[in-house]
mmCIF file of all heavy atoms, coordinates in Angstrom:
data_MODEL
# 
_entry.id   MODEL 
# 
loop_
_atom_site.group_PDB 
_atom_site.id 
_atom_site.type_symbol 
_atom_site.label_atom_id 
_atom_site.label_alt_id 
_atom_site.label_comp_id 
_atom_site.label_asym_id 
_atom_site.label_entity_id 
_atom_site.label_seq_id 
_atom_site.pdbx_PDB_ins_code 
_atom_site.Cartn_x 
_atom_site.Cartn_y 
_atom_site.Cartn_z 
_atom_site.occupancy 
_atom_site.B_iso_or_equiv 
_atom_site.pdbx_formal_charge 
_atom_site.auth_seq_id 
_atom_site.auth_comp_id 
_atom_site.auth_asym_id 
_atom_site.auth_atom_id 
_atom_site.pdbx_PDB_model_num 
ATOM 1   N N   . LEU A 1 1  ? 0.854   -1.195  -0.006 1.00 0.00 ? 1  LEU A N   1 
ATOM 2   C CA  . LEU A 1 1  ? 0.043   0.004   -0.034 1.00 0.00 ? 1  LEU A CA  1 
ATOM 3   C C   . LEU A 1 1  ? 0.904   1.231   0.026  1.00 0.00 ? 1  LEU A C   1 
ATOM 4   O O   . LEU A 1 1  ? 1.653   1.488   0.915  1.00 0.00 ? 1  LEU A O   1 
ATOM 5   C CB  . LEU A 1 1  ? -0.893  -0.016  1.202  1.00 0.00 ? 1  LEU A CB  1 
ATOM 6   C CG  . LEU A 1 1  ? -2.113  0.906   1.218  1.00 0.00 ? 1  LEU A CG  1 
ATOM 7   C CD1 . LEU A 1 1  ? -3.079  0.563   0.098  1.00 0.00 ? 1  LEU A CD1 1 
ATOM 8   C CD2 . LEU A 1 1  ? -2.850  0.885   2.554  1.00 0.00 ? 1  LEU A CD2 1 
ATOM 9   N N   . ALA A 1 2  ? 0.814   2.040   -1.058 1.00 0.00 ? 2  ALA A N   1 
ATOM 10  C CA  . ALA A 1 2  ? 1.634   3.207   -1.179 1.00 0.00 ? 2  ALA A CA  1 
ATOM 11  C C   . ALA A 1 2  ? 0.941   4.340   -0.440 1.00 0.00 ? 2  ALA A C   1 
ATOM 12  O O   . ALA A 1 2  ? -0.210  4.687   -0.638 1.00 0.00 ? 2  ALA A O   1 
ATOM 13  C CB  . ALA A 1 2  ? 1.809   3.636   -2.647 1.00 0.00 ? 2  ALA A CB  1 
ATOM 14  N N   . LEU A 1 3  ? 1.677   4.909   0.582  1.00 0.00 ? 3  LEU A N   1 
ATOM 15  C CA  . LEU A 1 3  ? 1.233   6.046   1.378  1.00 0.00 ? 3  LEU A CA  1 
ATOM 16  C C   . LEU A 1 3  ? 1.970   7.259   1.044  1.00 0.00 ? 3  LEU A C   1 
ATOM 17  O O   . LEU A 1 3  ? 3.146   7.216   0.722  1.00 0.00 ? 3  LEU A O   1 
ATOM 18  C CB  . LEU A 1 3  ? 1.352   5.709   2.880  1.00 0.00 ? 3  LEU A CB  1 
ATOM 19  C CG  . LEU A 1 3  ? 0.685   4.394   3.353  1.00 0.00 ? 3  LEU A CG  1 
ATOM 20  C CD1 . LEU A 1 3  ? 0.913   4.262   4.904  1.00 0.00 ? 3  LEU A CD1 1 
ATOM 21  C CD2 . LEU A 1 3  ? -0.817  4.455   3.055  1.00 0.00 ? 3  LEU A CD2 1 
ATOM 22  N N   . ASP A 1 4  ? 1.267   8.408   1.124  1.00 0.00 ? 4  ASP A N   1 
ATOM 23  C CA  . ASP A 1 4  ? 1.896   9.704   0.910  1.00 0.00 ? 4  ASP A CA  1 
ATOM 24  C C   . ASP A 1 4  ? 1.873   10.445  2.228  1.00 0.00 ? 4  ASP A C   1 
ATOM 25  O O   . ASP A 1 4  ? 0.818   10.867  2.717  1.00 0.00 ? 4  ASP A O   1 
ATOM 26  C CB  . ASP A 1 4  ? 1.104   10.504  -0.180 1.00 0.00 ? 4  ASP A CB  1 
ATOM 27  C CG  . ASP A 1 4  ? 1.710   11.833  -0.458 1.00 0.00 ? 4  ASP A CG  1 
ATOM 28  O OD1 . ASP A 1 4  ? 2.743   12.214  0.167  1.00 0.00 ? 4  ASP A OD1 1 
ATOM 29  O OD2 . ASP A 1 4  ? 1.157   12.585  -1.302 1.00 0.00 ? 4  ASP A OD2 1 
ATOM 30  N N   . ILE A 1 5  ? 3.047   10.633  2.774  1.00 0.00 ? 5  ILE A N   1 
ATOM 31  C CA  . ILE A 1 5  ? 3.216   11.276  4.065  1.00 0.00 ? 5  ILE A CA  1 
ATOM 32  C C   . ILE A 1 5  ? 3.927   12.599  3.908  1.00 0.00 ? 5  ILE A C   1 
ATOM 33  O O   . ILE A 1 5  ? 5.132   12.619  3.758  1.00 0.00 ? 5  ILE A O   1 
ATOM 34  C CB  . ILE A 1 5  ? 3.938   10.386  5.124  1.00 0.00 ? 5  ILE A CB  1 
ATOM 35  C CG1 . ILE A 1 5  ? 3.183   9.058   5.239  1.00 0.00 ? 5  ILE A CG1 1 
ATOM 36  C CG2 . ILE A 1 5  ? 3.984   11.094  6.460  1.00 0.00 ? 5  ILE A CG2 1 
ATOM 37  C CD1 . ILE A 1 5  ? 3.869   8.076   6.148  1.00 0.00 ? 5  ILE A CD1 1 
ATOM 38  N N   . SER A 1 6  ? 3.207   13.700  3.836  1.00 0.00 ? 6  SER A N   1 
ATOM 39  C CA  . SER A 1 6  ? 3.765   15.007  3.632  1.00 0.00 ? 6  SER A CA  1 
ATOM 40  C C   . SER A 1 6  ? 4.636   15.076  2.385  1.00 0.00 ? 6  SER A C   1 
ATOM 41  O O   . SER A 1 6  ? 5.721   15.648  2.394  1.00 0.00 ? 6  SER A O   1 
ATOM 42  C CB  . SER A 1 6  ? 4.587   15.467  4.879  1.00 0.00 ? 6  SER A CB  1 
ATOM 43  O OG  . SER A 1 6  ? 3.784   15.540  6.007  1.00 0.00 ? 6  SER A OG  1 
ATOM 44  N N   . GLY A 1 7  ? 4.117   14.477  1.271  1.00 0.00 ? 7  GLY A N   1 
ATOM 45  C CA  . GLY A 1 7  ? 4.861   14.404  0.050  1.00 0.00 ? 7  GLY A CA  1 
ATOM 46  C C   . GLY A 1 7  ? 5.930   13.387  -0.047 1.00 0.00 ? 7  GLY A C   1 
ATOM 47  O O   . GLY A 1 7  ? 6.599   13.278  -1.069 1.00 0.00 ? 7  GLY A O   1 
ATOM 48  N N   . ARG A 1 8  ? 6.088   12.607  0.993  1.00 0.00 ? 8  ARG A N   1 
ATOM 49  C CA  . ARG A 1 8  ? 7.173   11.577  1.028  1.00 0.00 ? 8  ARG A CA  1 
ATOM 50  C C   . ARG A 1 8  ? 6.479   10.188  0.813  1.00 0.00 ? 8  ARG A C   1 
ATOM 51  O O   . ARG A 1 8  ? 5.611   9.805   1.626  1.00 0.00 ? 8  ARG A O   1 
ATOM 52  C CB  . ARG A 1 8  ? 7.910   11.597  2.329  1.00 0.00 ? 8  ARG A CB  1 
ATOM 53  C CG  . ARG A 1 8  ? 9.014   10.570  2.507  1.00 0.00 ? 8  ARG A CG  1 
ATOM 54  C CD  . ARG A 1 8  ? 9.858   10.910  3.757  1.00 0.00 ? 8  ARG A CD  1 
ATOM 55  N NE  . ARG A 1 8  ? 9.005   11.103  4.898  1.00 0.00 ? 8  ARG A NE  1 
ATOM 56  C CZ  . ARG A 1 8  ? 8.638   10.135  5.723  1.00 0.00 ? 8  ARG A CZ  1 
ATOM 57  N NH1 . ARG A 1 8  ? 9.069   8.867   5.522  1.00 0.00 ? 8  ARG A NH1 1 
ATOM 58  N NH2 . ARG A 1 8  ? 7.899   10.406  6.828  1.00 0.00 ? 8  ARG A NH2 1 
ATOM 59  N N   . PRO A 1 9  ? 6.853   9.409   -0.217 1.00 0.00 ? 9  PRO A N   1 
ATOM 60  C CA  . PRO A 1 9  ? 6.235   8.128   -0.438 1.00 0.00 ? 9  PRO A CA  1 
ATOM 61  C C   . PRO A 1 9  ? 6.742   7.105   0.565  1.00 0.00 ? 9  PRO A C   1 
ATOM 62  O O   . PRO A 1 9  ? 7.973   6.994   0.846  1.00 0.00 ? 9  PRO A O   1 
ATOM 63  C CB  . PRO A 1 9  ? 6.635   7.774   -1.873 1.00 0.00 ? 9  PRO A CB  1 
ATOM 64  C CG  . PRO A 1 9  ? 7.901   8.525   -2.085 1.00 0.00 ? 9  PRO A CG  1 
ATOM 65  C CD  . PRO A 1 9  ? 7.845   9.781   -1.281 1.00 0.00 ? 9  PRO A CD  1 
ATOM 66  N N   . VAL A 1 10 ? 5.845   6.337   1.148  1.00 0.00 ? 10 VAL A N   1 
ATOM 67  C CA  . VAL A 1 10 ? 6.161   5.280   2.098  1.00 0.00 ? 10 VAL A CA  1 
ATOM 68  C C   . VAL A 1 10 ? 5.349   4.029   1.686  1.00 0.00 ? 10 VAL A C   1 
ATOM 69  O O   . VAL A 1 10 ? 4.138   4.141   1.442  1.00 0.00 ? 10 VAL A O   1 
ATOM 70  C CB  . VAL A 1 10 ? 5.873   5.686   3.505  1.00 0.00 ? 10 VAL A CB  1 
ATOM 71  C CG1 . VAL A 1 10 ? 6.148   4.489   4.449  1.00 0.00 ? 10 VAL A CG1 1 
ATOM 72  C CG2 . VAL A 1 10 ? 6.734   6.880   3.959  1.00 0.00 ? 10 VAL A CG2 1 
ATOM 73  N N   . GLU A 1 11 ? 5.948   2.931   1.641  1.00 0.00 ? 11 GLU A N   1 
ATOM 74  C CA  . GLU A 1 11 ? 5.290   1.695   1.289  1.00 0.00 ? 11 GLU A CA  1 
ATOM 75  C C   . GLU A 1 11 ? 4.957   0.909   2.570  1.00 0.00 ? 11 GLU A C   1 
ATOM 76  O O   . GLU A 1 11 ? 5.806   0.630   3.414  1.00 0.00 ? 11 GLU A O   1 
ATOM 77  C CB  . GLU A 1 11 ? 6.123   0.780   0.380  1.00 0.00 ? 11 GLU A CB  1 
ATOM 78  C CG  . GLU A 1 11 ? 5.385   -0.403  -0.162 1.00 0.00 ? 11 GLU A CG  1 
ATOM 79  C CD  . GLU A 1 11 ? 6.163   -1.203  -1.217 1.00 0.00 ? 11 GLU A CD  1 
ATOM 80  O OE1 . GLU A 1 11 ? 6.189   -0.752  -2.368 1.00 0.00 ? 11 GLU A OE1 1 
ATOM 81  O OE2 . GLU A 1 11 ? 6.808   -2.221  -0.869 1.00 0.00 ? 11 GLU A OE2 1 
ATOM 82  N N   . ALA A 1 12 ? 3.669   0.556   2.672  1.00 0.00 ? 12 ALA A N   1 
ATOM 83  C CA  . ALA A 1 12 ? 3.191   -0.268  3.839  1.00 0.00 ? 12 ALA A CA  1 
ATOM 84  C C   . ALA A 1 12 ? 2.665   -1.563  3.277  1.00 0.00 ? 12 ALA A C   1 
ATOM 85  O O   . ALA A 1 12 ? 2.326   -1.744  2.144  1.00 0.00 ? 12 ALA A O   1 
ATOM 86  C CB  . ALA A 1 12 ? 2.105   0.481   4.576  1.00 0.00 ? 12 ALA A CB  1 
ATOM 87  N N   . VAL A 1 13 ? 2.529   -2.541  4.215  1.00 0.00 ? 13 VAL A N   1 
ATOM 88  C CA  . VAL A 1 13 ? 2.021   -3.873  3.819  1.00 0.00 ? 13 VAL A CA  1 
ATOM 89  C C   . VAL A 1 13 ? 0.756   -4.162  4.651  1.00 0.00 ? 13 VAL A C   1 
ATOM 90  O O   . VAL A 1 13 ? 0.707   -3.999  5.900  1.00 0.00 ? 13 VAL A O   1 
ATOM 91  C CB  . VAL A 1 13 ? 3.090   -4.933  4.194  1.00 0.00 ? 13 VAL A CB  1 
ATOM 92  C CG1 . VAL A 1 13 ? 2.540   -6.376  3.751  1.00 0.00 ? 13 VAL A CG1 1 
ATOM 93  C CG2 . VAL A 1 13 ? 4.359   -4.654  3.375  1.00 0.00 ? 13 VAL A CG2 1 
ATOM 94  N N   . VAL A 1 14 ? -0.295  -4.555  3.980  1.00 0.00 ? 14 VAL A N   1 
ATOM 95  C CA  . VAL A 1 14 ? -1.557  -4.980  4.661  1.00 0.00 ? 14 VAL A CA  1 
ATOM 96  C C   . VAL A 1 14 ? -1.414  -6.351  5.248  1.00 0.00 ? 14 VAL A C   1 
ATOM 97  O O   . VAL A 1 14 ? -1.265  -7.318  4.507  1.00 0.00 ? 14 VAL A O   1 
ATOM 98  C CB  . VAL A 1 14 ? -2.742  -4.884  3.634  1.00 0.00 ? 14 VAL A CB  1 
ATOM 99  C CG1 . VAL A 1 14 ? -4.043  -5.268  4.342  1.00 0.00 ? 14 VAL A CG1 1 
ATOM 100 C CG2 . VAL A 1 14 ? -2.843  -3.506  3.070  1.00 0.00 ? 14 VAL A CG2 1 
ATOM 101 N N   . VAL A 1 15 ? -1.496  -6.415  6.550  1.00 0.00 ? 15 VAL A N   1 
ATOM 102 C CA  . VAL A 1 15 ? -1.325  -7.709  7.252  1.00 0.00 ? 15 VAL A CA  1 
ATOM 103 C C   . VAL A 1 15 ? -2.592  -8.149  7.959  1.00 0.00 ? 15 VAL A C   1 
ATOM 104 O O   . VAL A 1 15 ? -2.638  -9.302  8.391  1.00 0.00 ? 15 VAL A O   1 
ATOM 105 C CB  . VAL A 1 15 ? -0.185  -7.629  8.265  1.00 0.00 ? 15 VAL A CB  1 
ATOM 106 C CG1 . VAL A 1 15 ? 1.170   -7.336  7.613  1.00 0.00 ? 15 VAL A CG1 1 
ATOM 107 C CG2 . VAL A 1 15 ? -0.470  -6.609  9.369  1.00 0.00 ? 15 VAL A CG2 1 
ATOM 108 N N   . GLY A 1 16 ? -3.599  -7.296  8.031  1.00 0.00 ? 16 GLY A N   1 
ATOM 109 C CA  . GLY A 1 16 ? -4.801  -7.699  8.749  1.00 0.00 ? 16 GLY A CA  1 
ATOM 110 C C   . GLY A 1 16 ? -6.007  -6.876  8.280  1.00 0.00 ? 16 GLY A C   1 
ATOM 111 O O   . GLY A 1 16 ? -5.867  -5.705  7.910  1.00 0.00 ? 16 GLY A O   1 
ATOM 112 N N   . LEU A 1 17 ? -7.195  -7.458  8.414  1.00 0.00 ? 17 LEU A N   1 
ATOM 113 C CA  . LEU A 1 17 ? -8.413  -6.770  8.115  1.00 0.00 ? 17 LEU A CA  1 
ATOM 114 C C   . LEU A 1 17 ? -9.380  -6.821  9.292  1.00 0.00 ? 17 LEU A C   1 
ATOM 115 O O   . LEU A 1 17 ? -9.639  -7.943  9.808  1.00 0.00 ? 17 LEU A O   1 
ATOM 116 C CB  . LEU A 1 17 ? -9.082  -7.410  6.877  1.00 0.00 ? 17 LEU A CB  1 
ATOM 117 C CG  . LEU A 1 17 ? -8.227  -7.404  5.546  1.00 0.00 ? 17 LEU A CG  1 
ATOM 118 C CD1 . LEU A 1 17 ? -8.977  -8.118  4.507  1.00 0.00 ? 17 LEU A CD1 1 
ATOM 119 C CD2 . LEU A 1 17 ? -7.955  -5.986  5.100  1.00 0.00 ? 17 LEU A CD2 1 
ATOM 120 N N   . LEU A 1 18 ? -9.796  -5.695  9.727  1.00 0.00 ? 18 LEU A N   1 
ATOM 121 C CA  . LEU A 1 18 ? -10.678 -5.638  10.877 1.00 0.00 ? 18 LEU A CA  1 
ATOM 122 C C   . LEU A 1 18 ? -12.146 -5.900  10.384 1.00 0.00 ? 18 LEU A C   1 
ATOM 123 O O   . LEU A 1 18 ? -12.583 -5.382  9.423  1.00 0.00 ? 18 LEU A O   1 
ATOM 124 C CB  . LEU A 1 18 ? -10.631 -4.243  11.557 1.00 0.00 ? 18 LEU A CB  1 
ATOM 125 C CG  . LEU A 1 18 ? -9.313  -3.877  12.226 1.00 0.00 ? 18 LEU A CG  1 
ATOM 126 C CD1 . LEU A 1 18 ? -9.367  -2.431  12.686 1.00 0.00 ? 18 LEU A CD1 1 
ATOM 127 C CD2 . LEU A 1 18 ? -9.082  -4.821  13.391 1.00 0.00 ? 18 LEU A CD2 1 
ATOM 128 N N   . ARG A 1 19 ? -12.863 -6.713  11.223 1.00 0.00 ? 19 ARG A N   1 
ATOM 129 C CA  . ARG A 1 19 ? -14.226 -6.964  10.978 1.00 0.00 ? 19 ARG A CA  1 
ATOM 130 C C   . ARG A 1 19 ? -15.035 -6.486  12.194 1.00 0.00 ? 19 ARG A C   1 
ATOM 131 O O   . ARG A 1 19 ? -15.286 -7.181  13.159 1.00 0.00 ? 19 ARG A O   1 
ATOM 132 C CB  . ARG A 1 19 ? -14.481 -8.494  10.855 1.00 0.00 ? 19 ARG A CB  1 
ATOM 133 C CG  . ARG A 1 19 ? -13.701 -9.093  9.662  1.00 0.00 ? 19 ARG A CG  1 
ATOM 134 C CD  . ARG A 1 19 ? -13.962 -10.574 9.490  1.00 0.00 ? 19 ARG A CD  1 
ATOM 135 N NE  . ARG A 1 19 ? -13.222 -11.145 8.424  1.00 0.00 ? 19 ARG A NE  1 
ATOM 136 C CZ  . ARG A 1 19 ? -11.989 -11.636 8.443  1.00 0.00 ? 19 ARG A CZ  1 
ATOM 137 N NH1 . ARG A 1 19 ? -11.395 -11.592 9.626  1.00 0.00 ? 19 ARG A NH1 1 
ATOM 138 N NH2 . ARG A 1 19 ? -11.385 -12.171 7.450  1.00 0.00 ? 19 ARG A NH2 1 
ATOM 139 N N   . PRO A 1 20 ? -15.481 -5.180  12.125 1.00 0.00 ? 20 PRO A N   1 
ATOM 140 C CA  . PRO A 1 20 ? -16.225 -4.657  13.246 1.00 0.00 ? 20 PRO A CA  1 
ATOM 141 C C   . PRO A 1 20 ? -17.528 -5.359  13.431 1.00 0.00 ? 20 PRO A C   1 
ATOM 142 O O   . PRO A 1 20 ? -18.107 -5.953  12.494 1.00 0.00 ? 20 PRO A O   1 
ATOM 143 C CB  . PRO A 1 20 ? -16.457 -3.211  12.812 1.00 0.00 ? 20 PRO A CB  1 
ATOM 144 C CG  . PRO A 1 20 ? -15.434 -2.899  11.785 1.00 0.00 ? 20 PRO A CG  1 
ATOM 145 C CD  . PRO A 1 20 ? -15.199 -4.223  11.073 1.00 0.00 ? 20 PRO A CD  1 
ATOM 146 N N   . ALA A 1 21 ? -17.974 -5.351  14.697 1.00 0.00 ? 21 ALA A N   1 
ATOM 147 C CA  . ALA A 1 21 ? -19.206 -6.117  15.056 1.00 0.00 ? 21 ALA A CA  1 
ATOM 148 C C   . ALA A 1 21 ? -20.466 -5.427  14.675 1.00 0.00 ? 21 ALA A C   1 
ATOM 149 O O   . ALA A 1 21 ? -21.567 -6.042  14.569 1.00 0.00 ? 21 ALA A O   1 
ATOM 150 C CB  . ALA A 1 21 ? -19.186 -6.430  16.559 1.00 0.00 ? 21 ALA A CB  1 
ATOM 151 N N   . ASP A 1 22 ? -20.465 -4.070  14.449 1.00 0.00 ? 22 ASP A N   1 
ATOM 152 C CA  . ASP A 1 22 ? -21.701 -3.394  14.164 1.00 0.00 ? 22 ASP A CA  1 
ATOM 153 C C   . ASP A 1 22 ? -21.437 -2.319  13.083 1.00 0.00 ? 22 ASP A C   1 
ATOM 154 O O   . ASP A 1 22 ? -20.288 -2.003  12.732 1.00 0.00 ? 22 ASP A O   1 
ATOM 155 C CB  . ASP A 1 22 ? -22.269 -2.708  15.427 1.00 0.00 ? 22 ASP A CB  1 
ATOM 156 C CG  . ASP A 1 22 ? -21.188 -1.865  16.117 1.00 0.00 ? 22 ASP A CG  1 
ATOM 157 O OD1 . ASP A 1 22 ? -20.951 -0.747  15.634 1.00 0.00 ? 22 ASP A OD1 1 
ATOM 158 O OD2 . ASP A 1 22 ? -20.710 -2.334  17.150 1.00 0.00 ? 22 ASP A OD2 1 
ATOM 159 N N   . SER A 1 23 ? -22.519 -1.736  12.554 1.00 0.00 ? 23 SER A N   1 
ATOM 160 C CA  . SER A 1 23 ? -22.418 -0.764  11.428 1.00 0.00 ? 23 SER A CA  1 
ATOM 161 C C   . SER A 1 23 ? -21.751 0.533   11.921 1.00 0.00 ? 23 SER A C   1 
ATOM 162 O O   . SER A 1 23 ? -21.066 1.205   11.151 1.00 0.00 ? 23 SER A O   1 
ATOM 163 C CB  . SER A 1 23 ? -23.803 -0.469  10.880 1.00 0.00 ? 23 SER A CB  1 
ATOM 164 O OG  . SER A 1 23 ? -24.614 0.071   11.892 1.00 0.00 ? 23 SER A OG  1 
ATOM 165 N N   . VAL A 1 24 ? -21.961 0.922   13.191 1.00 0.00 ? 24 VAL A N   1 
ATOM 166 C CA  . VAL A 1 24 ? -21.350 2.161   13.683 1.00 0.00 ? 24 VAL A CA  1 
ATOM 167 C C   . VAL A 1 24 ? -19.871 2.065   13.663 1.00 0.00 ? 24 VAL A C   1 
ATOM 168 O O   . VAL A 1 24 ? -19.099 2.949   13.261 1.00 0.00 ? 24 VAL A O   1 
ATOM 169 C CB  . VAL A 1 24 ? -21.919 2.495   15.071 1.00 0.00 ? 24 VAL A CB  1 
ATOM 170 C CG1 . VAL A 1 24 ? -21.179 3.702   15.644 1.00 0.00 ? 24 VAL A CG1 1 
ATOM 171 C CG2 . VAL A 1 24 ? -23.369 2.741   15.044 1.00 0.00 ? 24 VAL A CG2 1 
ATOM 172 N N   . SER A 1 25 ? -19.355 0.891   14.148 1.00 0.00 ? 25 SER A N   1 
ATOM 173 C CA  . SER A 1 25 ? -17.888 0.646   14.189 1.00 0.00 ? 25 SER A CA  1 
ATOM 174 C C   . SER A 1 25 ? -17.330 0.623   12.775 1.00 0.00 ? 25 SER A C   1 
ATOM 175 O O   . SER A 1 25 ? -16.219 1.071   12.498 1.00 0.00 ? 25 SER A O   1 
ATOM 176 C CB  . SER A 1 25 ? -17.549 -0.585  14.952 1.00 0.00 ? 25 SER A CB  1 
ATOM 177 O OG  . SER A 1 25 ? -17.981 -0.548  16.252 1.00 0.00 ? 25 SER A OG  1 
ATOM 178 N N   . ARG A 1 26 ? -18.090 0.019   11.878 1.00 0.00 ? 26 ARG A N   1 
ATOM 179 C CA  . ARG A 1 26 ? -17.619 -0.061  10.446 1.00 0.00 ? 26 ARG A CA  1 
ATOM 180 C C   . ARG A 1 26 ? -17.417 1.366   9.879  1.00 0.00 ? 26 ARG A C   1 
ATOM 181 O O   . ARG A 1 26 ? -16.438 1.613   9.219  1.00 0.00 ? 26 ARG A O   1 
ATOM 182 C CB  . ARG A 1 26 ? -18.590 -0.821  9.623  1.00 0.00 ? 26 ARG A CB  1 
ATOM 183 C CG  . ARG A 1 26 ? -18.448 -2.346  9.773  1.00 0.00 ? 26 ARG A CG  1 
ATOM 184 C CD  . ARG A 1 26 ? -19.171 -3.056  8.641  1.00 0.00 ? 26 ARG A CD  1 
ATOM 185 N NE  . ARG A 1 26 ? -20.609 -2.897  8.759  1.00 0.00 ? 26 ARG A NE  1 
ATOM 186 C CZ  . ARG A 1 26 ? -21.423 -3.656  9.458  1.00 0.00 ? 26 ARG A CZ  1 
ATOM 187 N NH1 . ARG A 1 26 ? -20.943 -4.668  10.138 1.00 0.00 ? 26 ARG A NH1 1 
ATOM 188 N NH2 . ARG A 1 26 ? -22.733 -3.418  9.442  1.00 0.00 ? 26 ARG A NH2 1 
ATOM 189 N N   . ARG A 1 27 ? -18.395 2.296   10.128 1.00 0.00 ? 27 ARG A N   1 
ATOM 190 C CA  . ARG A 1 27 ? -18.284 3.607   9.630  1.00 0.00 ? 27 ARG A CA  1 
ATOM 191 C C   . ARG A 1 27 ? -17.120 4.363   10.367 1.00 0.00 ? 27 ARG A C   1 
ATOM 192 O O   . ARG A 1 27 ? -16.412 5.183   9.767  1.00 0.00 ? 27 ARG A O   1 
ATOM 193 C CB  . ARG A 1 27 ? -19.543 4.376   9.818  1.00 0.00 ? 27 ARG A CB  1 
ATOM 194 C CG  . ARG A 1 27 ? -20.708 3.896   8.922  1.00 0.00 ? 27 ARG A CG  1 
ATOM 195 C CD  . ARG A 1 27 ? -21.837 4.922   8.848  1.00 0.00 ? 27 ARG A CD  1 
ATOM 196 N NE  . ARG A 1 27 ? -22.370 5.197   10.142 1.00 0.00 ? 27 ARG A NE  1 
ATOM 197 C CZ  . ARG A 1 27 ? -23.416 4.560   10.700 1.00 0.00 ? 27 ARG A CZ  1 
ATOM 198 N NH1 . ARG A 1 27 ? -23.932 3.563   10.031 1.00 0.00 ? 27 ARG A NH1 1 
ATOM 199 N NH2 . ARG A 1 27 ? -23.861 4.875   11.838 1.00 0.00 ? 27 ARG A NH2 1 
ATOM 200 N N   . ALA A 1 28 ? -16.937 4.062   11.651 1.00 0.00 ? 28 ALA A N   1 
ATOM 201 C CA  . ALA A 1 28 ? -15.876 4.728   12.373 1.00 0.00 ? 28 ALA A CA  1 
ATOM 202 C C   . ALA A 1 28 ? -14.475 4.411   11.974 1.00 0.00 ? 28 ALA A C   1 
ATOM 203 O O   . ALA A 1 28 ? -13.573 5.221   11.946 1.00 0.00 ? 28 ALA A O   1 
ATOM 204 C CB  . ALA A 1 28 ? -16.060 4.404   13.904 1.00 0.00 ? 28 ALA A CB  1 
# 
């Protein structure tokens, strides 16, 4: 995942996906 931090490119790796228990948490 390419991130832009104050104009500086940083590469991150997706290691987990959150599954919120309710719709409010999903939007949050």
